[in-house]
């Protein structure tokens, strides 16, 4: 084997080793990034589910409070039904809403 043939064979071997090392490195790096992204998305999904449960509970509490307040207001309206001027109260509520709107 001549020096030239040996140099060509060595360069081919070095090039092949570098290419296979680069390919292995790329596959390992991609696998590591894929694993990290998968863990991040799993954590994000758990966080969303936990927050969704909390938001649903808060929504139920708010709805219960609104229902209690409405029942309380309706009980007073029914007690004072004969003494209330409903059209006048309606006008006053509209005026208040306009004032708060500004």
PDB file of N, CA and C in Angstrom:
ATOM      1  N   UNK A   1       0.866  -1.161   0.000  1.00  0.00           N
ATOM      2  CA  UNK A   1       0.000   0.000   0.000  1.00  0.00           C
ATOM      3  C   UNK A   1       0.916   1.228   0.000  1.00  0.00           C
ATOM      4  N   UNK A   2       0.601   2.135  -0.855  1.00  0.00           N
ATOM      5  CA  UNK A   2       1.419   3.343  -0.958  1.00  0.00           C
ATOM      6  C   UNK A   2       0.997   4.340   0.102  1.00  0.00           C
ATOM      7  N   UNK A   3       1.836   5.339   0.294  1.00  0.00           N
ATOM      8  CA  UNK A   3       1.502   6.400   1.263  1.00  0.00           C
ATOM      9  C   UNK A   3       0.228   7.129   0.860  1.00  0.00           C
ATOM     10  N   UNK A   4       0.080   7.307  -0.442  1.00  0.00           N
ATOM     11  CA  UNK A   4      -1.126   8.000  -0.943  1.00  0.00           C
ATOM     12  C   UNK A   4      -2.374   7.173  -0.629  1.00  0.00           C
ATOM     13  N   UNK A   5      -2.348   5.899  -0.888  1.00  0.00           N
ATOM     14  CA  UNK A   5      -3.488   5.017  -0.601  1.00  0.00           C
ATOM     15  C   UNK A   5      -3.775   4.977   0.899  1.00  0.00           C
ATOM     16  N   UNK A   6      -2.708   4.941   1.671  1.00  0.00           N
ATOM     17  CA  UNK A   6      -2.878   4.925   3.125  1.00  0.00           C
ATOM     18  C   UNK A   6      -3.510   6.231   3.612  1.00  0.00           C
ATOM     19  N   UNK A   7      -3.093   7.355   3.070  1.00  0.00           N
ATOM     20  CA  UNK A   7      -3.649   8.658   3.445  1.00  0.00           C
ATOM     21  C   UNK A   7      -5.118   8.751   3.054  1.00  0.00           C
ATOM     22  N   UNK A   8      -5.434   8.264   1.847  1.00  0.00           N
ATOM     23  CA  UNK A   8      -6.840   8.295   1.391  1.00  0.00           C
ATOM     24  C   UNK A   8      -7.690   7.401   2.285  1.00  0.00           C
ATOM     25  N   UNK A   9      -7.194   6.210   2.583  1.00  0.00           N
ATOM     26  CA  UNK A   9      -7.947   5.289   3.442  1.00  0.00           C
ATOM     27  C   UNK A   9      -8.105   5.871   4.848  1.00  0.00           C
ATOM     28  N   UNK A  10      -7.054   6.484   5.366  1.00  0.00           N
ATOM     29  CA  UNK A  10      -7.130   7.106   6.700  1.00  0.00           C
ATOM     30  C   UNK A  10      -8.118   8.255   6.716  1.00  0.00           C
ATOM     31  N   UNK A  11      -8.097   9.095   5.686  1.00  0.00           N
ATOM     32  CA  UNK A  11      -9.036  10.230   5.625  1.00  0.00           C
ATOM     33  C   UNK A  11     -10.484   9.734   5.527  1.00  0.00           C
ATOM     34  N   UNK A  12     -10.686   8.674   4.742  1.00  0.00           N
ATOM     35  CA  UNK A  12     -12.040   8.103   4.650  1.00  0.00           C
ATOM     36  C   UNK A  12     -12.492   7.591   6.016  1.00  0.00           C
ATOM     37  N   UNK A  13     -11.591   6.925   6.730  1.00  0.00           N
ATOM     38  CA  UNK A  13     -11.924   6.392   8.047  1.00  0.00           C
ATOM     39  C   UNK A  13     -12.195   7.520   9.033  1.00  0.00           C
ATOM     40  N   UNK A  14     -11.364   8.541   9.006  1.00  0.00           N
ATOM     41  CA  UNK A  14     -11.558   9.694   9.902  1.00  0.00           C
ATOM     42  C   UNK A  14     -12.885  10.385   9.589  1.00  0.00           C
ATOM     43  N   UNK A  15     -13.150  10.581   8.297  1.00  0.00           N
ATOM     44  CA  UNK A  15     -14.410  11.225   7.891  1.00  0.00           C
ATOM     45  C   UNK A  15     -15.604  10.387   8.332  1.00  0.00           C
ATOM     46  N   UNK A  16     -15.508   9.066   8.142  1.00  0.00           N
ATOM     47  CA  UNK A  16     -16.594   8.176   8.554  1.00  0.00           C
ATOM     48  C   UNK A  16     -16.803   8.231  10.071  1.00  0.00           C
ATOM     49  N   UNK A  17     -15.715   8.211  10.844  1.00  0.00           N
ATOM     50  CA  UNK A  17     -15.806   8.282  12.301  1.00  0.00           C
ATOM     51  C   UNK A  17     -16.417   9.607  12.746  1.00  0.00           C
ATOM     52  N   UNK A  18     -16.006  10.705  12.109  1.00  0.00           N
ATOM     53  CA  UNK A  18     -16.566  12.022  12.463  1.00  0.00           C
ATOM     54  C   UNK A  18     -18.049  12.085  12.131  1.00  0.00           C
ATOM     55  N   UNK A  19     -18.421  11.554  10.982  1.00  0.00           N
ATOM     56  CA  UNK A  19     -19.834  11.578  10.581  1.00  0.00           C
ATOM     57  C   UNK A  19     -20.674  10.725  11.515  1.00  0.00           C
ATOM     58  N   UNK A  20     -20.177   9.534  11.869  1.00  0.00           N
ATOM     59  CA  UNK A  20     -20.955   8.677  12.765  1.00  0.00           C
ATOM     60  C   UNK A  20     -21.019   9.283  14.171  1.00  0.00           C
ATOM     61  N   UNK A  21     -19.920   9.919  14.609  1.00  0.00           N
ATOM     62  CA  UNK A  21     -19.944  10.592  15.914  1.00  0.00           C
ATOM     63  C   UNK A  21     -20.942  11.744  15.908  1.00  0.00           C
ATOM     64  N   UNK A  22     -20.932  12.529  14.817  1.00  0.00           N
ATOM     65  CA  UNK A  22     -21.868  13.650  14.712  1.00  0.00           C
ATOM     66  C   UNK A  22     -23.304  13.133  14.689  1.00  0.00           C
ATOM     67  N   UNK A  23     -23.545  12.029  13.968  1.00  0.00           N
ATOM     68  CA  UNK A  23     -24.895  11.455  13.904  1.00  0.00           C
ATOM     69  C   UNK A  23     -25.329  10.949  15.278  1.00  0.00           C
ATOM     70  N   UNK A  24     -24.422  10.255  15.982  1.00  0.00           N
ATOM     71  CA  UNK A  24     -24.743   9.770  17.326  1.00  0.00           C
ATOM     72  C   UNK A  24     -25.026  10.934  18.264  1.00  0.00           C
ATOM     73  N   UNK A  25     -24.195  11.972  18.184  1.00  0.00           N
ATOM     74  CA  UNK A  25     -24.388  13.154  19.033  1.00  0.00           C
ATOM     75  C   UNK A  25     -25.729  13.812  18.739  1.00  0.00           C
ATOM     76  N   UNK A  26     -26.055  13.928  17.462  1.00  0.00           N
ATOM     77  CA  UNK A  26     -27.323  14.538  17.075  1.00  0.00           C
ATOM     78  C   UNK A  26     -28.502  13.721  17.589  1.00  0.00           C
ATOM     79  N   UNK A  27     -28.431  12.396  17.460  1.00  0.00           N
ATOM     80  CA  UNK A  27     -29.527  11.542  17.943  1.00  0.00           C
ATOM     81  C   UNK A  27     -29.672  11.633  19.455  1.00  0.00           C
ATOM     82  N   UNK A  28     -28.547  11.630  20.179  1.00  0.00           N
ATOM     83  CA  UNK A  28     -28.604  11.732  21.641  1.00  0.00           C
ATOM     84  C   UNK A  28     -29.166  13.087  22.050  1.00  0.00           C
ATOM     85  N   UNK A  29     -28.707  14.134  21.382  1.00  0.00           N
ATOM     86  CA  UNK A  29     -29.176  15.484  21.699  1.00  0.00           C
ATOM     87  C   UNK A  29     -30.668  15.620  21.408  1.00  0.00           C
ATOM     88  N   UNK A  30     -31.092  15.102  20.264  1.00  0.00           N
ATOM     89  CA  UNK A  30     -32.516  15.179  19.927  1.00  0.00           C
ATOM     90  C   UNK A  30     -33.356  14.387  20.921  1.00  0.00           C
ATOM     91  N   UNK A  31     -32.877  13.216  21.306  1.00  0.00           N
ATOM     92  CA  UNK A  31     -33.608  12.389  22.270  1.00  0.00           C
ATOM     93  C   UNK A  31     -33.707  13.109  23.614  1.00  0.00           C
ATOM     94  N   UNK A  32     -32.607  13.750  24.037  1.00  0.00           N
ATOM     95  CA  UNK A  32     -32.618  14.477  25.308  1.00  0.00           C
ATOM     96  C   UNK A  32     -33.603  15.651  25.242  1.00  0.00           C
ATOM     97  N   UNK A  33     -33.563  16.397  24.127  1.00  0.00           N
ATOM     98  CA  UNK A  33     -34.497  17.519  23.983  1.00  0.00           C
ATOM     99  C   UNK A  33     -35.941  17.035  23.914  1.00  0.00           C
ATOM    100  N   UNK A  34     -36.163  15.943  23.219  1.00  0.00           N
ATOM    101  CA  UNK A  34     -37.511  15.382  23.134  1.00  0.00           C
ATOM    102  C   UNK A  34     -38.011  14.988  24.520  1.00  0.00           C
ATOM    103  N   UNK A  35     -37.143  14.357  25.304  1.00  0.00           N
ATOM    104  CA  UNK A  35     -37.522  13.950  26.669  1.00  0.00           C
ATOM    105  C   UNK A  35     -37.821  15.176  27.524  1.00  0.00           C
ATOM    106  N   UNK A  36     -36.985  16.205  27.425  1.00  0.00           N
ATOM    107  CA  UNK A  36     -37.207  17.425  28.205  1.00  0.00           C
ATOM    108  C   UNK A  36     -38.518  18.098  27.810  1.00  0.00           C
ATOM    109  N   UNK A  37     -38.774  18.183  26.516  1.00  0.00           N
ATOM    110  CA  UNK A  37     -40.013  18.814  26.040  1.00  0.00           C
ATOM    111  C   UNK A  37     -41.229  18.003  26.472  1.00  0.00           C
ATOM    112  N   UNK A  38     -41.105  16.686  26.409  1.00  0.00           N
ATOM    113  CA  UNK A  38     -42.220  15.819  26.826  1.00  0.00           C
ATOM    114  C   UNK A  38     -42.519  16.014  28.315  1.00  0.00           C
ATOM    115  N   UNK A  39     -41.479  16.087  29.148  1.00  0.00           N
ATOM    116  CA  UNK A  39     -41.675  16.320  30.582  1.00  0.00           C
ATOM    117  C   UNK A  39     -42.297  17.691  30.829  1.00  0.00           C
ATOM    118  N   UNK A  40     -41.829  18.693  30.088  1.00  0.00           N
ATOM    119  CA  UNK A  40     -42.385  20.037  30.233  1.00  0.00           C
ATOM    120  C   UNK A  40     -43.867  20.068  29.857  1.00  0.00           C
ATOM    121  N   UNK A  41     -44.230  19.421  28.762  1.00  0.00           N
ATOM    122  CA  UNK A  41     -45.633  19.400  28.332  1.00  0.00           C
ATOM    123  C   UNK A  41     -46.502  18.618  29.316  1.00  0.00           C
ATOM    124  N   UNK A  42     -45.966  17.552  29.890  1.00  0.00           N
ATOM    125  CA  UNK A  42     -46.712  16.796  30.897  1.00  0.00           C
ATOM    126  C   UNK A  42     -46.956  17.656  32.131  1.00  0.00           C
ATOM    127  N   UNK A  43     -45.933  18.380  32.572  1.00  0.00           N
ATOM    128  CA  UNK A  43     -46.089  19.271  33.723  1.00  0.00           C
ATOM    129  C   UNK A  43     -47.101  20.368  33.422  1.00  0.00           C
ATOM    130  N   UNK A  44     -47.028  20.920  32.213  1.00  0.00           N
ATOM    131  CA  UNK A  44     -47.955  21.980  31.804  1.00  0.00           C
ATOM    132  C   UNK A  44     -49.392  21.455  31.773  1.00  0.00           C
ATOM    133  N   UNK A  45     -49.570  20.240  31.293  1.00  0.00           N
ATOM    134  CA  UNK A  45     -50.905  19.633  31.253  1.00  0.00           C
ATOM    135  C   UNK A  45     -51.444  19.448  32.670  1.00  0.00           C
ATOM    136  N   UNK A  46     -50.600  18.974  33.589  1.00  0.00           N
ATOM    137  CA  UNK A  46     -51.033  18.806  34.976  1.00  0.00           C
ATOM    138  C   UNK A  46     -51.417  20.147  35.584  1.00  0.00           C
ATOM    139  N   UNK A  47     -50.624  21.171  35.310  1.00  0.00           N
ATOM    140  CA  UNK A  47     -50.911  22.509  35.832  1.00  0.00           C
ATOM    141  C   UNK A  47     -52.244  23.030  35.308  1.00  0.00           C
ATOM    142  N   UNK A  48     -52.502  22.833  34.030  1.00  0.00           N
ATOM    143  CA  UNK A  48     -53.768  23.274  33.444  1.00  0.00           C
ATOM    144  C   UNK A  48     -54.943  22.542  34.084  1.00  0.00           C
ATOM    145  N   UNK A  49     -54.805  21.235  34.274  1.00  0.00           N
ATOM    146  CA  UNK A  49     -55.891  20.465  34.879  1.00  0.00           C
ATOM    147  C   UNK A  49     -56.152  20.904  36.313  1.00  0.00           C
ATOM    148  N   UNK A  50     -55.076  21.158  37.083  1.00  0.00           N
ATOM    149  CA  UNK A  50     -55.239  21.625  38.457  1.00  0.00           C
ATOM    150  C   UNK A  50     -55.931  22.984  38.485  1.00  0.00           C
ATOM    151  N   UNK A  51     -55.512  23.891  37.604  1.00  0.00           N
ATOM    152  CA  UNK A  51     -56.128  25.215  37.561  1.00  0.00           C
ATOM    153  C   UNK A  51     -57.567  25.152  37.088  1.00  0.00           C
ATOM    154  N   UNK A  52     -57.860  24.239  36.179  1.00  0.00           N
ATOM    155  CA  UNK A  52     -59.229  24.093  35.698  1.00  0.00           C
ATOM    156  C   UNK A  52     -60.141  23.664  36.845  1.00  0.00           C
ATOM    157  N   UNK A  53     -59.674  22.744  37.672  1.00  0.00           N
ATOM    158  CA  UNK A  53     -60.463  22.293  38.817  1.00  0.00           C
ATOM    159  C   UNK A  53     -60.695  23.453  39.779  1.00  0.00           C
ATOM    160  N   UNK A  54     -59.632  24.227  40.046  1.00  0.00           N
ATOM    161  CA  UNK A  54     -59.756  25.374  40.948  1.00  0.00           C
ATOM    162  C   UNK A  54     -60.734  26.394  40.373  1.00  0.00           C
ATOM    163  N   UNK A  55     -60.651  26.669  39.082  1.00  0.00           N
ATOM    164  CA  UNK A  55     -61.551  27.639  38.457  1.00  0.00           C
ATOM    165  C   UNK A  55     -62.997  27.156  38.496  1.00  0.00           C
ATOM    166  N   UNK A  56     -63.205  25.862  38.294  1.00  0.00           N
ATOM    167  CA  UNK A  56     -64.568  25.329  38.367  1.00  0.00           C
ATOM    168  C   UNK A  56     -65.116  25.450  39.783  1.00  0.00           C
ATOM    169  N   UNK A  57     -64.266  25.196  40.785  1.00  0.00           N
ATOM    170  CA  UNK A  57     -64.701  25.341  42.175  1.00  0.00           C
ATOM    171  C   UNK A  57     -65.027  26.799  42.487  1.00  0.00           C
ATOM    172  N   UNK A  58     -64.202  27.727  42.035  1.00  0.00           N
ATOM    173  CA  UNK A  58     -64.464  29.149  42.253  1.00  0.00           C
ATOM    174  C   UNK A  58     -65.745  29.583  41.551  1.00  0.00           C
ATOM    175  N   UNK A  59     -65.961  29.078  40.346  1.00  0.00           N
ATOM    176  CA  UNK A  59     -67.179  29.405  39.611  1.00  0.00           C
ATOM    177  C   UNK A  59     -68.408  28.913  40.363  1.00  0.00           C
ATOM    178  N   UNK A  60     -68.325  27.710  40.931  1.00  0.00           N
ATOM    179  CA  UNK A  60     -69.449  27.172  41.701  1.00  0.00           C
ATOM    180  C   UNK A  60     -69.686  28.002  42.959  1.00  0.00           C
ATOM    181  N   UNK A  61     -68.598  28.408  43.642  1.00  0.00           N
ATOM    182  CA  UNK A  61     -68.751  29.239  44.842  1.00  0.00           C
ATOM    183  C   UNK A  61     -69.391  30.582  44.500  1.00  0.00           C
ATOM    184  N   UNK A  62     -68.943  31.179  43.395  1.00  0.00           N
ATOM    185  CA  UNK A  62     -69.527  32.465  42.975  1.00  0.00           C
ATOM    186  C   UNK A  62     -71.004  32.313  42.639  1.00  0.00           C
ATOM    187  N   UNK A  63     -71.335  31.248  41.928  1.00  0.00           N
ATOM    188  CA  UNK A  63     -72.734  31.030  41.570  1.00  0.00           C
ATOM    189  C   UNK A  63     -73.588  30.816  42.819  1.00  0.00           C
ATOM    190  N   UNK A  64     -73.065  30.076  43.802  1.00  0.00           N
ATOM    191  CA  UNK A  64     -73.795  29.873  45.052  1.00  0.00           C
ATOM    192  C   UNK A  64     -74.006  31.199  45.776  1.00  0.00           C
ATOM    193  N   UNK A  65     -72.967  32.041  45.808  1.00  0.00           N
ATOM    194  CA  UNK A  65     -73.077  33.343  46.479  1.00  0.00           C
ATOM    195  C   UNK A  65     -74.086  34.232  45.764  1.00  0.00           C
ATOM    196  N   UNK A  66     -74.048  34.219  44.432  1.00  0.00           N
ATOM    197  CA  UNK A  66     -75.021  35.013  43.669  1.00  0.00           C
ATOM    198  C   UNK A  66     -76.433  34.528  43.955  1.00  0.00           C
ATOM    199  N   UNK A  67     -76.616  33.212  43.985  1.00  0.00           N
ATOM    200  CA  UNK A  67     -77.948  32.665  44.275  1.00  0.00           C
ATOM    201  C   UNK A  67     -78.422  33.045  45.673  1.00  0.00           C
ATOM    202  N   UNK A  68     -77.508  33.008  46.657  1.00  0.00           N
ATOM    203  CA  UNK A  68     -77.872  33.406  48.017  1.00  0.00           C
ATOM    204  C   UNK A  68     -78.270  34.880  48.065  1.00  0.00           C
ATOM    205  N   UNK A  69     -77.480  35.729  47.411  1.00  0.00           N
ATOM    206  CA  UNK A  69     -77.785  37.164  47.404  1.00  0.00           C
ATOM    207  C   UNK A  69     -79.110  37.448  46.706  1.00  0.00           C
ATOM    208  N   UNK A  70     -79.359  36.747  45.601  1.00  0.00           N
ATOM    209  CA  UNK A  70     -80.624  36.947  44.888  1.00  0.00           C
ATOM    210  C   UNK A  70     -81.807  36.469  45.737  1.00  0.00           C
ATOM    211  N   UNK A  71     -81.641  35.350  46.414  1.00  0.00           N
ATOM    212  CA  UNK A  71     -82.716  34.854  47.273  1.00  0.00           C
ATOM    213  C   UNK A  71     -82.987  35.844  48.399  1.00  0.00           C
ATOM    214  N   UNK A  72     -81.902  36.402  48.957  1.00  0.00           N
ATOM    215  CA  UNK A  72     -82.047  37.396  50.032  1.00  0.00           C
ATOM    216  C   UNK A  72     -82.787  38.631  49.513  1.00  0.00           C
ATOM    217  N   UNK A  73     -82.371  39.117  48.342  1.00  0.00           N
ATOM    218  CA  UNK A  73     -83.027  40.303  47.771  1.00  0.00           C
ATOM    219  C   UNK A  73     -84.485  40.009  47.425  1.00  0.00           C
ATOM    220  N   UNK A  74     -84.764  38.833  46.878  1.00  0.00           N
ATOM    221  CA  UNK A  74     -86.147  38.489  46.521  1.00  0.00           C
ATOM    222  C   UNK A  74     -87.018  38.328  47.748  1.00  0.00           C
ATOM    223  N   UNK A  75     -86.431  37.841  48.840  1.00  0.00           N
ATOM    224  CA  UNK A  75     -87.234  37.720  50.054  1.00  0.00           C
ATOM    225  C   UNK A  75     -87.657  39.103  50.552  1.00  0.00           C
ATOM    226  N   UNK A  76     -86.758  40.086  50.486  1.00  0.00           N
ATOM    227  CA  UNK A  76     -87.139  41.438  50.887  1.00  0.00           C
ATOM    228  C   UNK A  76     -88.112  42.061  49.907  1.00  0.00           C
ATOM    229  N   UNK A  77     -87.933  41.779  48.619  1.00  0.00           N
ATOM    230  CA  UNK A  77     -88.879  42.315  47.639  1.00  0.00           C
ATOM    231  C   UNK A  77     -90.271  41.739  47.869  1.00  0.00           C
ATOM    232  N   UNK A  78     -90.355  40.467  48.216  1.00  0.00           N
ATOM    233  CA  UNK A  78     -91.667  39.878  48.442  1.00  0.00           C
ATOM    234  C   UNK A  78     -92.312  40.429  49.716  1.00  0.00           C
ATOM    235  N   UNK A  79     -91.489  40.754  50.724  1.00  0.00           N
ATOM    236  CA  UNK A  79     -92.026  41.311  51.966  1.00  0.00           C
ATOM    237  C   UNK A  79     -92.587  42.709  51.719  1.00  0.00           C
ATOM    238  N   UNK A  80     -91.825  43.509  50.976  1.00  0.00           N
ATOM    239  CA  UNK A  80     -92.222  44.902  50.748  1.00  0.00           C
ATOM    240  C   UNK A  80     -92.872  45.109  49.391  1.00  0.00           C
ATOM    241  N   UNK A  81     -93.400  44.071  48.808  1.00  0.00           N
ATOM    242  CA  UNK A  81     -93.959  44.138  47.463  1.00  0.00           C
ATOM    243  C   UNK A  81     -95.063  45.188  47.353  1.00  0.00           C
ATOM    244  N   UNK A  82     -95.915  45.237  48.342  1.00  0.00           N
ATOM    245  CA  UNK A  82     -97.036  46.170  48.277  1.00  0.00           C
ATOM    246  C   UNK A  82     -96.585  47.618  48.453  1.00  0.00           C
ATOM    247  N   UNK A  83     -95.437  47.821  49.085  1.00  0.00           N
ATOM    248  CA  UNK A  83     -94.988  49.178  49.378  1.00  0.00           C
ATOM    249  C   UNK A  83     -93.995  49.710  48.344  1.00  0.00           C
ATOM    250  N   UNK A  84     -93.544  48.885  47.420  1.00  0.00           N
ATOM    251  CA  UNK A  84     -92.525  49.308  46.464  1.00  0.00           C
ATOM    252  C   UNK A  84     -93.146  49.907  45.211  1.00  0.00           C
ATOM    253  N   UNK A  85     -92.488  50.923  44.705  1.00  0.00           N
ATOM    254  CA  UNK A  85     -92.843  51.490  43.410  1.00  0.00           C
ATOM    255  C   UNK A  85     -91.818  50.949  42.407  1.00  0.00           C
ATOM    256  N   UNK A  86     -92.133  49.826  41.774  1.00  0.00           N
ATOM    257  CA  UNK A  86     -91.184  49.114  40.919  1.00  0.00           C
ATOM    258  C   UNK A  86     -90.727  49.962  39.731  1.00  0.00           C
ATOM    259  N   UNK A  87     -91.593  50.680  39.028  1.00  0.00           N
ATOM    260  CA  UNK A  87     -91.102  51.505  37.910  1.00  0.00           C
ATOM    261  C   UNK A  87     -90.100  52.577  38.368  1.00  0.00           C
ATOM    262  N   UNK A  88     -90.353  53.171  39.537  1.00  0.00           N
ATOM    263  CA  UNK A  88     -89.441  54.188  40.056  1.00  0.00           C
ATOM    264  C   UNK A  88     -88.086  53.548  40.396  1.00  0.00           C
ATOM    265  N   UNK A  89     -88.123  52.363  41.012  1.00  0.00           N
ATOM    266  CA  UNK A  89     -86.893  51.670  41.367  1.00  0.00           C
ATOM    267  C   UNK A  89     -86.123  51.274  40.098  1.00  0.00           C
ATOM    268  N   UNK A  90     -86.846  50.885  39.066  1.00  0.00           N
ATOM    269  CA  UNK A  90     -86.218  50.510  37.804  1.00  0.00           C
ATOM    270  C   UNK A  90     -85.491  51.715  37.188  1.00  0.00           C
ATOM    271  N   UNK A  91     -86.129  52.877  37.207  1.00  0.00           N
ATOM    272  CA  UNK A  91     -85.506  54.103  36.691  1.00  0.00           C
ATOM    273  C   UNK A  91     -84.257  54.456  37.488  1.00  0.00           C
ATOM    274  N   UNK A  92     -84.347  54.339  38.807  1.00  0.00           N
ATOM    275  CA  UNK A  92     -83.193  54.664  39.650  1.00  0.00           C
ATOM    276  C   UNK A  92     -82.021  53.711  39.392  1.00  0.00           C
ATOM    277  N   UNK A  93     -82.317  52.431  39.195  1.00  0.00           N
ATOM    278  CA  UNK A  93     -81.264  51.469  38.900  1.00  0.00           C
ATOM    279  C   UNK A  93     -80.614  51.776  37.556  1.00  0.00           C
ATOM    280  N   UNK A  94     -81.415  52.152  36.568  1.00  0.00           N
ATOM    281  CA  UNK A  94     -80.853  52.527  35.268  1.00  0.00           C
ATOM    282  C   UNK A  94     -79.957  53.753  35.392  1.00  0.00           C
ATOM    283  N   UNK A  95     -80.410  54.733  36.188  1.00  0.00           N
ATOM    284  CA  UNK A  95     -79.586  55.932  36.404  1.00  0.00           C
ATOM    285  C   UNK A  95     -78.271  55.584  37.088  1.00  0.00           C
ATOM    286  N   UNK A  96     -78.325  54.710  38.089  1.00  0.00           N
ATOM    287  CA  UNK A  96     -77.090  54.292  38.769  1.00  0.00           C
ATOM    288  C   UNK A  96     -76.137  53.571  37.816  1.00  0.00           C
ATOM    289  N   UNK A  97     -76.701  52.725  36.960  1.00  0.00           N
ATOM    290  CA  UNK A  97     -75.853  52.007  36.010  1.00  0.00           C
ATOM    291  C   UNK A  97     -75.206  52.968  35.025  1.00  0.00           C
ATOM    292  N   UNK A  98     -75.924  53.989  34.608  1.00  0.00           N
ATOM    293  CA  UNK A  98     -75.363  54.996  33.714  1.00  0.00           C
ATOM    294  C   UNK A  98     -74.245  55.767  34.413  1.00  0.00           C
ATOM    295  N   UNK A  99     -74.488  56.129  35.669  1.00  0.00           N
ATOM    296  CA  UNK A  99     -73.463  56.869  36.434  1.00  0.00           C
ATOM    297  C   UNK A  99     -72.209  56.025  36.609  1.00  0.00           C
ATOM    298  N   UNK A 100     -72.367  54.761  36.981  1.00  0.00           N
ATOM    299  CA  UNK A 100     -71.203  53.878  37.150  1.00  0.00           C
ATOM    300  C   UNK A 100     -70.510  53.620  35.815  1.00  0.00           C
ATOM    301  N   UNK A 101     -71.251  53.685  34.722  1.00  0.00           N
ATOM    302  CA  UNK A 101     -70.664  53.486  33.401  1.00  0.00           C
ATOM    303  C   UNK A 101     -69.710  54.606  33.012  1.00  0.00           C
ATOM    304  N   UNK A 102     -69.968  55.804  33.553  1.00  0.00           N
ATOM    305  CA  UNK A 102     -69.082  56.929  33.236  1.00  0.00           C
ATOM    306  C   UNK A 102     -67.909  56.871  34.150  1.00  0.00           C
TER     307      UNK A 102
END
